[in-house]
């Protein structure tokens, strides 16, 4: 169940970070305000806003990669459970037959 809901849940969380006023105050607005302060002190707007954009990108990129890794781990863990019981029995019998086969 969690495996199927993880990708949409992650998308909603990223949209929440971008669009929610409470979270955007913490992230985007805070970054742009800091960039404006740095710009006013140094008179270099490109460097200040580029740094803010890079920090915001790193925040969302890290979240996306962490989710991708979590999806990979869940998929790998549930691979055995997605096989039907009859297929599991056949696979186990094949493994036993291969292991018991004597070299000729």
N, C-alpha and C. Protein backbone atom coordinates (compact mmCIF):
# COMPACT_ATOMS: atom_id res chain seq x y z
N UNK A 1 0.82 -1.19 0.00
CA UNK A 1 0.00 0.00 0.00
C UNK A 1 0.87 1.26 0.00
N UNK A 2 1.85 1.30 0.88
CA UNK A 2 2.72 2.47 0.96
C UNK A 2 3.53 2.65 -0.31
N UNK A 3 3.86 1.53 -0.96
CA UNK A 3 4.65 1.57 -2.18
C UNK A 3 3.90 2.29 -3.29
N UNK A 4 2.60 2.11 -3.37
CA UNK A 4 1.83 2.75 -4.43
C UNK A 4 1.48 4.20 -4.13
N UNK A 5 1.47 4.57 -2.87
CA UNK A 5 1.12 5.95 -2.52
C UNK A 5 2.32 6.84 -2.36
N UNK A 6 3.52 6.32 -2.37
CA UNK A 6 4.71 7.14 -2.14
C UNK A 6 4.96 8.18 -3.23
N UNK A 7 4.92 7.85 -4.53
CA UNK A 7 5.18 8.89 -5.53
C UNK A 7 4.18 10.05 -5.50
N UNK A 8 2.86 9.80 -5.44
CA UNK A 8 1.96 10.95 -5.35
C UNK A 8 2.11 11.73 -4.05
N UNK A 9 2.42 11.03 -2.99
CA UNK A 9 2.63 11.70 -1.71
C UNK A 9 3.83 12.63 -1.78
N UNK A 10 4.88 12.18 -2.44
CA UNK A 10 6.07 13.02 -2.59
C UNK A 10 5.77 14.24 -3.44
N UNK A 11 5.03 14.05 -4.53
CA UNK A 11 4.66 15.19 -5.37
C UNK A 11 3.85 16.21 -4.59
N UNK A 12 2.93 15.73 -3.79
CA UNK A 12 2.13 16.64 -2.98
C UNK A 12 2.99 17.38 -1.95
N UNK A 13 3.97 16.69 -1.39
CA UNK A 13 4.84 17.33 -0.41
C UNK A 13 5.69 18.41 -1.06
N UNK A 14 6.19 18.16 -2.28
CA UNK A 14 6.98 19.17 -2.98
C UNK A 14 6.10 20.36 -3.36
N UNK A 15 4.88 20.09 -3.81
CA UNK A 15 3.95 21.19 -4.12
C UNK A 15 3.63 21.97 -2.86
N UNK A 16 3.50 21.26 -1.74
CA UNK A 16 3.23 21.92 -0.47
C UNK A 16 4.37 22.85 -0.09
N UNK A 17 5.60 22.41 -0.30
CA UNK A 17 6.75 23.26 0.01
C UNK A 17 6.75 24.50 -0.89
N UNK A 18 6.42 24.32 -2.16
CA UNK A 18 6.45 25.44 -3.09
C UNK A 18 5.28 26.40 -2.90
N UNK A 19 4.09 25.89 -2.58
CA UNK A 19 2.89 26.72 -2.63
C UNK A 19 2.33 27.14 -1.28
N UNK A 20 2.56 26.39 -0.25
CA UNK A 20 1.95 26.70 1.05
C UNK A 20 2.56 27.98 1.62
N UNK A 21 1.74 28.93 2.02
CA UNK A 21 2.29 30.17 2.56
C UNK A 21 3.13 29.97 3.82
N UNK A 22 2.73 29.04 4.67
CA UNK A 22 3.50 28.83 5.90
C UNK A 22 4.88 28.25 5.59
N UNK A 23 4.93 27.25 4.71
CA UNK A 23 6.22 26.67 4.37
C UNK A 23 7.03 27.55 3.44
N UNK A 24 6.35 28.30 2.56
CA UNK A 24 7.11 29.16 1.68
C UNK A 24 7.70 30.34 2.44
N UNK A 25 7.08 30.70 3.55
CA UNK A 25 7.68 31.74 4.39
C UNK A 25 9.00 31.24 4.93
N UNK A 26 9.03 29.98 5.29
CA UNK A 26 10.26 29.41 5.84
C UNK A 26 11.29 29.21 4.74
N UNK A 27 10.87 28.76 3.58
CA UNK A 27 11.84 28.40 2.55
C UNK A 27 12.03 29.48 1.51
N UNK A 28 11.09 29.62 0.61
CA UNK A 28 11.28 30.49 -0.55
C UNK A 28 11.35 31.96 -0.17
N UNK A 29 10.40 32.43 0.63
CA UNK A 29 10.39 33.84 1.00
C UNK A 29 11.61 34.17 1.85
N UNK A 30 11.97 33.27 2.74
CA UNK A 30 13.15 33.49 3.57
C UNK A 30 14.42 33.56 2.71
N UNK A 31 14.50 32.69 1.73
CA UNK A 31 15.67 32.70 0.84
C UNK A 31 15.71 33.98 0.01
N UNK A 32 14.57 34.38 -0.53
CA UNK A 32 14.58 35.59 -1.35
C UNK A 32 14.81 36.84 -0.52
N UNK A 33 14.29 36.86 0.69
CA UNK A 33 14.56 38.00 1.58
C UNK A 33 16.04 38.08 1.92
N UNK A 34 16.63 36.95 2.21
CA UNK A 34 18.07 36.92 2.49
C UNK A 34 18.87 37.34 1.27
N UNK A 35 18.43 36.90 0.09
CA UNK A 35 19.11 37.31 -1.14
C UNK A 35 18.98 38.81 -1.36
N UNK A 36 17.83 39.38 -1.05
CA UNK A 36 17.66 40.82 -1.19
C UNK A 36 18.55 41.58 -0.22
N UNK A 37 18.67 41.08 0.99
CA UNK A 37 19.54 41.74 1.97
C UNK A 37 20.99 41.69 1.51
N UNK A 38 21.41 40.52 1.02
CA UNK A 38 22.78 40.39 0.51
C UNK A 38 22.98 41.30 -0.70
N UNK A 39 21.97 41.38 -1.56
CA UNK A 39 22.06 42.24 -2.74
C UNK A 39 22.19 43.71 -2.33
N UNK A 40 21.43 44.13 -1.32
CA UNK A 40 21.51 45.51 -0.86
C UNK A 40 22.87 45.83 -0.23
N UNK A 41 23.47 44.83 0.40
CA UNK A 41 24.77 45.07 1.02
C UNK A 41 25.92 45.04 0.02
N UNK A 42 25.83 44.17 -0.97
CA UNK A 42 26.96 43.99 -1.89
C UNK A 42 26.73 44.59 -3.27
N UNK A 43 25.49 44.98 -3.59
CA UNK A 43 25.13 45.50 -4.91
C UNK A 43 25.45 44.49 -6.02
N UNK A 44 25.24 43.21 -5.71
CA UNK A 44 25.46 42.13 -6.70
C UNK A 44 24.22 41.24 -6.71
N UNK A 45 23.21 41.61 -7.51
CA UNK A 45 21.96 40.84 -7.49
C UNK A 45 22.08 39.45 -8.11
N UNK A 46 22.88 39.30 -9.15
CA UNK A 46 22.98 38.00 -9.81
C UNK A 46 23.54 36.93 -8.87
N UNK A 47 24.59 37.27 -8.15
CA UNK A 47 25.21 36.30 -7.25
C UNK A 47 24.27 35.95 -6.10
N UNK A 48 23.58 36.96 -5.56
CA UNK A 48 22.70 36.72 -4.41
C UNK A 48 21.52 35.83 -4.80
N UNK A 49 20.86 36.15 -5.91
CA UNK A 49 19.69 35.36 -6.29
C UNK A 49 20.08 34.02 -6.89
N UNK A 50 21.25 33.93 -7.49
CA UNK A 50 21.73 32.62 -7.96
C UNK A 50 21.99 31.70 -6.78
N UNK A 51 22.58 32.24 -5.73
CA UNK A 51 22.82 31.43 -4.53
C UNK A 51 21.49 30.98 -3.90
N UNK A 52 20.51 31.86 -3.87
CA UNK A 52 19.20 31.49 -3.32
C UNK A 52 18.54 30.41 -4.18
N UNK A 53 18.65 30.54 -5.50
CA UNK A 53 18.06 29.53 -6.39
C UNK A 53 18.76 28.18 -6.22
N UNK A 54 20.07 28.20 -6.07
CA UNK A 54 20.81 26.95 -5.88
C UNK A 54 20.42 26.29 -4.57
N UNK A 55 20.26 27.06 -3.51
CA UNK A 55 19.85 26.49 -2.22
C UNK A 55 18.44 25.89 -2.30
N UNK A 56 17.52 26.59 -2.97
CA UNK A 56 16.16 26.07 -3.12
C UNK A 56 16.16 24.81 -3.97
N UNK A 57 16.96 24.80 -5.04
CA UNK A 57 17.07 23.61 -5.88
C UNK A 57 17.64 22.44 -5.08
N UNK A 58 18.66 22.70 -4.27
CA UNK A 58 19.25 21.62 -3.46
C UNK A 58 18.24 21.04 -2.47
N UNK A 59 17.41 21.90 -1.90
CA UNK A 59 16.38 21.42 -0.97
C UNK A 59 15.41 20.46 -1.67
N UNK A 60 14.89 20.87 -2.82
CA UNK A 60 13.92 20.03 -3.52
C UNK A 60 14.57 18.82 -4.18
N UNK A 61 15.79 18.98 -4.67
CA UNK A 61 16.50 17.87 -5.30
C UNK A 61 16.82 16.78 -4.27
N UNK A 62 17.23 17.19 -3.08
CA UNK A 62 17.50 16.24 -2.01
C UNK A 62 16.23 15.49 -1.61
N UNK A 63 15.13 16.21 -1.52
CA UNK A 63 13.86 15.57 -1.18
C UNK A 63 13.47 14.56 -2.26
N UNK A 64 13.62 14.94 -3.52
CA UNK A 64 13.26 14.02 -4.61
C UNK A 64 14.16 12.79 -4.63
N UNK A 65 15.45 12.96 -4.44
CA UNK A 65 16.36 11.82 -4.43
C UNK A 65 16.12 10.91 -3.23
N UNK A 66 15.82 11.49 -2.09
CA UNK A 66 15.53 10.67 -0.91
C UNK A 66 14.28 9.83 -1.16
N UNK A 67 13.29 10.41 -1.80
CA UNK A 67 12.08 9.67 -2.12
C UNK A 67 12.36 8.58 -3.15
N UNK A 68 13.17 8.89 -4.16
CA UNK A 68 13.51 7.89 -5.17
C UNK A 68 14.24 6.70 -4.52
N UNK A 69 15.13 7.00 -3.58
CA UNK A 69 15.84 5.93 -2.87
C UNK A 69 14.88 5.11 -2.03
N UNK A 70 13.95 5.78 -1.38
CA UNK A 70 12.96 5.07 -0.57
C UNK A 70 12.08 4.18 -1.44
N UNK A 71 11.68 4.69 -2.62
CA UNK A 71 10.90 3.87 -3.55
C UNK A 71 11.69 2.65 -3.99
N UNK A 72 12.98 2.83 -4.26
CA UNK A 72 13.83 1.71 -4.67
C UNK A 72 13.91 0.66 -3.57
N UNK A 73 14.08 1.11 -2.33
CA UNK A 73 14.17 0.16 -1.21
C UNK A 73 12.86 -0.59 -1.01
N UNK A 74 11.76 0.10 -1.12
CA UNK A 74 10.46 -0.55 -0.95
C UNK A 74 10.21 -1.53 -2.09
N UNK A 75 10.56 -1.13 -3.31
CA UNK A 75 10.37 -2.03 -4.45
C UNK A 75 11.22 -3.28 -4.31
N UNK A 76 12.46 -3.10 -3.88
CA UNK A 76 13.35 -4.25 -3.71
C UNK A 76 12.87 -5.16 -2.59
N UNK A 77 12.36 -4.59 -1.51
CA UNK A 77 11.88 -5.40 -0.39
C UNK A 77 10.59 -6.13 -0.73
N UNK A 78 9.77 -5.52 -1.57
CA UNK A 78 8.48 -6.15 -1.86
C UNK A 78 8.51 -7.00 -3.11
N UNK A 79 9.66 -7.15 -3.73
CA UNK A 79 9.74 -7.94 -4.96
C UNK A 79 9.33 -9.39 -4.70
N UNK A 80 9.79 -9.96 -3.60
CA UNK A 80 9.46 -11.35 -3.29
C UNK A 80 7.99 -11.49 -2.93
N UNK A 81 7.43 -10.48 -2.28
CA UNK A 81 6.03 -10.57 -1.85
C UNK A 81 5.06 -10.36 -3.00
N UNK A 82 5.51 -9.79 -4.10
CA UNK A 82 4.60 -9.57 -5.22
C UNK A 82 4.41 -10.82 -6.06
N UNK A 83 5.25 -11.83 -5.86
CA UNK A 83 5.12 -13.09 -6.60
C UNK A 83 4.01 -13.91 -5.95
N UNK A 84 3.21 -14.56 -6.77
CA UNK A 84 2.11 -15.38 -6.23
C UNK A 84 2.67 -16.57 -5.47
N UNK A 85 1.91 -17.11 -4.53
CA UNK A 85 2.40 -18.25 -3.75
C UNK A 85 2.78 -19.46 -4.61
N UNK A 86 2.02 -19.72 -5.66
CA UNK A 86 2.35 -20.85 -6.53
C UNK A 86 3.69 -20.62 -7.22
N UNK A 87 3.93 -19.41 -7.67
CA UNK A 87 5.22 -19.10 -8.29
C UNK A 87 6.35 -19.22 -7.29
N UNK A 88 6.11 -18.82 -6.03
CA UNK A 88 7.13 -18.96 -5.00
C UNK A 88 7.49 -20.42 -4.79
N UNK A 89 6.48 -21.31 -4.78
CA UNK A 89 6.73 -22.74 -4.58
C UNK A 89 7.53 -23.29 -5.76
N UNK A 90 7.17 -22.90 -6.97
CA UNK A 90 7.90 -23.37 -8.15
C UNK A 90 9.34 -22.89 -8.12
N UNK A 91 9.53 -21.62 -7.76
CA UNK A 91 10.90 -21.10 -7.69
C UNK A 91 11.73 -21.82 -6.62
N UNK A 92 11.12 -22.10 -5.48
CA UNK A 92 11.85 -22.80 -4.42
C UNK A 92 12.19 -24.21 -4.86
N UNK A 93 11.27 -24.89 -5.56
CA UNK A 93 11.56 -26.25 -6.05
C UNK A 93 12.69 -26.23 -7.07
N UNK A 94 12.68 -25.24 -7.94
CA UNK A 94 13.76 -25.13 -8.92
C UNK A 94 15.11 -24.89 -8.25
N UNK A 95 15.11 -24.05 -7.23
CA UNK A 95 16.36 -23.79 -6.51
C UNK A 95 16.88 -25.06 -5.83
N UNK A 96 15.96 -25.80 -5.22
CA UNK A 96 16.36 -27.04 -4.56
C UNK A 96 16.88 -28.04 -5.58
N UNK A 97 16.22 -28.13 -6.72
CA UNK A 97 16.65 -29.07 -7.76
C UNK A 97 18.01 -28.68 -8.31
N UNK A 98 18.25 -27.40 -8.48
CA UNK A 98 19.55 -26.96 -8.99
C UNK A 98 20.65 -27.21 -7.96
N UNK A 99 20.33 -26.95 -6.69
CA UNK A 99 21.34 -27.16 -5.65
C UNK A 99 21.65 -28.62 -5.42
N UNK A 100 20.66 -29.50 -5.61
CA UNK A 100 20.88 -30.93 -5.38
C UNK A 100 21.48 -31.64 -6.58
N UNK A 101 21.49 -30.99 -7.71
CA UNK A 101 22.03 -31.62 -8.92
C UNK A 101 23.52 -31.85 -8.73
N UNK A 102 23.92 -33.05 -8.95
CA UNK A 102 25.34 -33.36 -8.79
C UNK A 102 26.08 -33.03 -10.09
N UNK A 103 27.29 -32.53 -9.97
CA UNK A 103 28.05 -32.23 -11.19
C UNK A 103 28.41 -33.51 -11.93
N UNK A 104 28.27 -33.50 -13.25
CA UNK A 104 28.56 -34.71 -14.01
C UNK A 104 29.92 -34.67 -14.65
